[in-house]
Amino acid sequence: MNPILREEISSPEDFSKIVEKNRKDIIKLKALRRVSSKTFSFLFECKETLLNQINEMIYVENVHDQEEINRLIRVYNEQMPEGNEFSVTMFIEITDEKELVRELPKLAGIEEHIVLIYDGNEKRAIPEEGRSTDVLESTVQYLKFRFSKNEIGLFKNSKNVFISTDHKTYKESVKINDDLLKDLKKELSS
């Protein structure tokens, strides 16, 4: 995917004019690109979702500083999937605060235990560098699934694809629906 460019970023004032319509559109898009298990949801990022994140941050925080805007572009471009990979934001969906406080320590290292399974093949997620700690501090994890040319061919021919957690405390799996799978296959370059 092409990187996000400075000229694609809206000022807080310009974004305020389209924020409601944009929010509705992005909610629909994210719903199509998200799969959820009992405890986790996985958003397969694309340029539109990442560009929206930048514009929302700039709007909400009323950012005008060009250095900060350029920093946000750099950070989110690092999450931009390239032709041989998927970029996934993983959310821990424990909404009860007491349960979250109790379960978060048990989830330490979860980012190292995410696997994409496609017709018997496995591709382990690569967690964002520097976020793995002995104590899980965030309910959001950034992952990449990077494929070789051969693996891309196998993935494009796969019929059943699951994203799974094989963590000692949490073992869950969710099937990627046909519409999302079709889009993901298109996004991988051969």
Protein backbone atom coordinates (compact mmCIF):
# COMPACT_ATOMS: atom_id res chain seq x y z
CA MET A 1 0.00 0.00 0.00
CA ASN A 2 1.14 3.51 -0.66
CA PRO A 3 2.33 5.49 2.36
CA ILE A 4 0.30 8.28 3.88
CA LEU A 5 1.45 11.66 2.56
CA ARG A 6 1.34 15.03 4.33
CA GLU A 7 -1.15 16.42 1.79
CA GLU A 8 -3.65 13.70 2.75
CA ILE A 9 -3.82 15.00 6.32
CA SER A 10 -6.67 17.36 7.19
CA SER A 11 -6.39 20.31 9.52
CA PRO A 12 -8.55 20.06 12.64
CA GLU A 13 -10.79 22.75 11.15
CA ASP A 14 -11.26 20.93 7.82
CA PHE A 15 -11.77 17.57 9.49
CA SER A 16 -14.45 19.04 11.78
CA LYS A 17 -16.60 19.63 8.67
CA ILE A 18 -16.61 15.94 7.73
CA VAL A 19 -16.05 14.22 11.07
CA GLU A 20 -19.58 12.83 11.48
CA LYS A 21 -19.85 11.39 7.97
CA ASN A 22 -16.27 10.15 8.16
CA ARG A 23 -16.95 8.43 11.48
CA LYS A 24 -19.92 6.56 10.02
CA ASP A 25 -17.87 5.48 7.00
CA ILE A 26 -14.88 4.35 9.06
CA ILE A 27 -17.09 2.42 11.49
CA LYS A 28 -18.51 0.49 8.51
CA LEU A 29 -15.03 -0.12 7.07
CA LYS A 30 -13.60 -1.29 10.39
CA ALA A 31 -16.55 -3.62 10.92
CA LEU A 32 -15.69 -5.28 7.59
CA ARG A 33 -11.99 -5.56 8.50
CA ARG A 34 -12.39 -6.79 12.10
CA VAL A 35 -12.82 -10.31 13.46
CA SER A 36 -13.51 -11.09 17.11
CA SER A 37 -13.05 -14.05 19.39
CA LYS A 38 -14.33 -14.21 22.97
CA THR A 39 -11.53 -12.07 24.43
CA PHE A 40 -9.80 -10.42 21.46
CA SER A 41 -10.59 -8.53 18.31
CA PHE A 42 -8.25 -8.14 15.37
CA LEU A 43 -8.45 -5.20 12.97
CA PHE A 44 -6.70 -5.75 9.63
CA GLU A 45 -5.38 -2.27 8.91
CA CYS A 46 -5.37 -0.55 5.54
CA LYS A 47 -4.49 2.94 4.37
CA GLU A 48 -7.99 4.26 5.09
CA THR A 49 -8.04 3.04 8.70
CA LEU A 50 -4.56 4.40 9.42
CA LEU A 51 -5.18 7.74 7.71
CA ASN A 52 -8.36 8.09 9.74
CA GLN A 53 -6.42 7.46 12.98
CA ILE A 54 -4.07 10.34 12.18
CA ASN A 55 -6.88 12.71 11.19
CA GLU A 56 -8.90 11.81 14.30
CA MET A 57 -5.89 12.42 16.59
CA ILE A 58 -5.12 15.75 14.96
CA TYR A 59 -8.77 16.76 15.20
CA VAL A 60 -9.36 15.63 18.81
CA GLU A 61 -6.06 17.04 20.10
CA ASN A 62 -6.25 20.15 17.86
CA VAL A 63 -2.73 19.55 16.53
CA HIS A 64 -1.22 22.26 14.32
CA ASP A 65 2.46 21.63 15.00
CA GLN A 66 4.02 20.39 11.74
CA GLU A 67 6.70 18.34 13.50
CA GLU A 68 4.05 16.47 15.50
CA ILE A 69 1.98 15.86 12.36
CA ASN A 70 5.06 14.53 10.55
CA ARG A 71 5.83 12.29 13.55
CA LEU A 72 2.30 10.86 13.45
CA ILE A 73 2.65 10.19 9.73
CA ARG A 74 5.95 8.34 10.35
CA VAL A 75 4.47 6.27 13.20
CA TYR A 76 1.37 5.25 11.26
CA ASN A 77 3.30 4.59 8.04
CA GLU A 78 5.29 2.01 10.02
CA GLN A 79 1.98 0.20 10.55
CA MET A 80 1.06 0.43 6.86
CA PRO A 81 0.96 -3.07 5.41
CA GLU A 82 3.31 -3.70 2.52
CA GLY A 83 2.48 -6.05 -0.35
CA ASN A 84 3.83 -9.11 1.45
CA GLU A 85 2.24 -8.55 4.85
CA PHE A 86 -0.82 -7.79 6.92
CA SER A 87 -0.79 -5.21 9.67
CA VAL A 88 -3.15 -6.06 12.51
CA THR A 89 -4.18 -4.13 15.58
CA MET A 90 -5.17 -6.54 18.34
CA PHE A 91 -7.53 -5.36 21.06
CA ILE A 92 -8.06 -7.10 24.38
CA GLU A 93 -11.83 -6.85 24.76
CA ILE A 94 -12.24 -7.22 28.51
CA THR A 95 -14.62 -4.42 29.43
CA ASP A 96 -15.07 -5.04 33.15
CA GLU A 97 -12.35 -3.05 34.90
CA LYS A 98 -11.91 -5.45 37.83
CA GLU A 99 -11.65 -8.41 35.47
CA LEU A 100 -9.16 -6.52 33.30
CA VAL A 101 -6.93 -5.76 36.31
CA ARG A 102 -7.09 -9.44 37.29
CA GLU A 103 -6.51 -10.85 33.78
CA LEU A 104 -3.94 -8.43 32.33
CA PRO A 105 -0.97 -10.00 34.20
CA LYS A 106 -2.03 -13.42 32.88
CA LEU A 107 -1.89 -12.04 29.34
CA ALA A 108 1.80 -11.06 29.46
CA GLY A 109 3.46 -12.22 26.25
CA ILE A 110 0.17 -12.68 24.36
CA GLU A 111 1.58 -10.69 21.42
CA GLU A 112 4.12 -13.50 20.90
CA HIS A 113 1.33 -16.09 20.61
CA ILE A 114 -0.83 -14.92 17.71
CA VAL A 115 -0.99 -17.20 14.69
CA LEU A 116 -2.68 -16.99 11.31
CA ILE A 117 -3.70 -20.49 10.22
CA TYR A 118 -4.54 -21.00 6.56
CA ASP A 119 -5.43 -24.46 5.29
CA GLY A 120 -3.01 -26.16 7.69
CA ASN A 121 -0.21 -23.61 7.28
CA GLU A 122 0.79 -21.30 10.10
CA LYS A 123 2.18 -17.77 10.09
CA ARG A 124 3.21 -16.39 13.48
CA ALA A 125 2.65 -12.67 14.13
CA ILE A 126 5.58 -10.32 14.53
CA PRO A 127 4.83 -7.97 17.45
CA GLU A 128 5.78 -4.32 17.34
CA GLU A 129 9.36 -3.93 18.50
CA GLY A 130 9.84 -2.70 22.03
CA ARG A 131 6.30 -3.42 23.28
CA SER A 132 6.90 -6.89 24.72
CA THR A 133 7.41 -6.79 28.47
CA ASP A 134 7.07 -9.19 31.37
CA VAL A 135 3.93 -7.31 32.37
CA LEU A 136 1.31 -6.50 29.75
CA GLU A 137 0.69 -2.78 30.00
CA SER A 138 -1.65 -2.17 27.10
CA THR A 139 -4.91 -3.62 25.83
CA VAL A 140 -3.76 -2.80 22.29
CA GLN A 141 -1.02 -4.68 20.45
CA TYR A 142 0.37 -4.02 16.96
CA LEU A 143 1.23 -7.06 14.87
CA LYS A 144 2.49 -7.91 11.40
CA PHE A 145 2.13 -11.12 9.46
CA ARG A 146 4.93 -11.17 6.85
CA PHE A 147 4.83 -13.73 4.02
CA SER A 148 7.40 -15.16 1.61
CA LYS A 149 6.47 -15.40 -2.07
CA ASN A 150 5.65 -19.10 -1.64
CA GLU A 151 3.51 -18.40 1.44
CA ILE A 152 1.60 -15.71 -0.47
CA GLY A 153 0.67 -18.30 -3.09
CA LEU A 154 -0.50 -20.73 -0.41
CA PHE A 155 -2.51 -18.01 1.35
CA LYS A 156 -4.17 -16.88 -1.88
CA ASN A 157 -5.31 -20.45 -2.53
CA SER A 158 -6.55 -21.05 1.01
CA LYS A 159 -10.23 -21.53 1.77
CA ASN A 160 -10.25 -21.52 5.58
CA VAL A 161 -8.26 -18.93 7.48
CA PHE A 162 -8.27 -18.45 11.24
CA ILE A 163 -6.49 -16.08 13.57
CA SER A 164 -5.67 -17.83 16.83
CA THR A 165 -4.05 -17.26 20.19
CA ASP A 166 -1.91 -20.12 21.48
CA HIS A 167 -1.01 -18.48 24.79
CA LYS A 168 -0.80 -20.68 27.90
CA THR A 169 -3.77 -18.90 29.50
CA TYR A 170 -5.81 -17.92 26.45
CA LYS A 171 -6.40 -20.29 23.55
CA GLU A 172 -8.97 -18.86 21.17
CA SER A 173 -9.58 -18.94 17.45
CA VAL A 174 -11.81 -17.05 15.06
CA LYS A 175 -12.44 -17.68 11.38
CA ILE A 176 -11.83 -14.84 8.96
CA ASN A 177 -15.06 -14.31 7.06
CA ASP A 178 -15.17 -14.78 3.29
CA ASP A 179 -15.51 -11.07 2.42
CA LEU A 180 -12.50 -10.05 4.49
CA LEU A 181 -10.51 -13.03 3.23
CA LYS A 182 -11.23 -11.99 -0.37
CA ASP A 183 -9.96 -8.46 0.36
CA LEU A 184 -6.85 -9.73 2.13
CA LYS A 185 -5.99 -12.00 -0.79
CA LYS A 186 -6.24 -9.00 -3.15
CA GLU A 187 -3.97 -6.94 -0.92
CA LEU A 188 -1.12 -9.47 -0.99
CA SER A 189 1.26 -9.09 -3.93
CA SER A 190 2.43 -12.23 -5.69
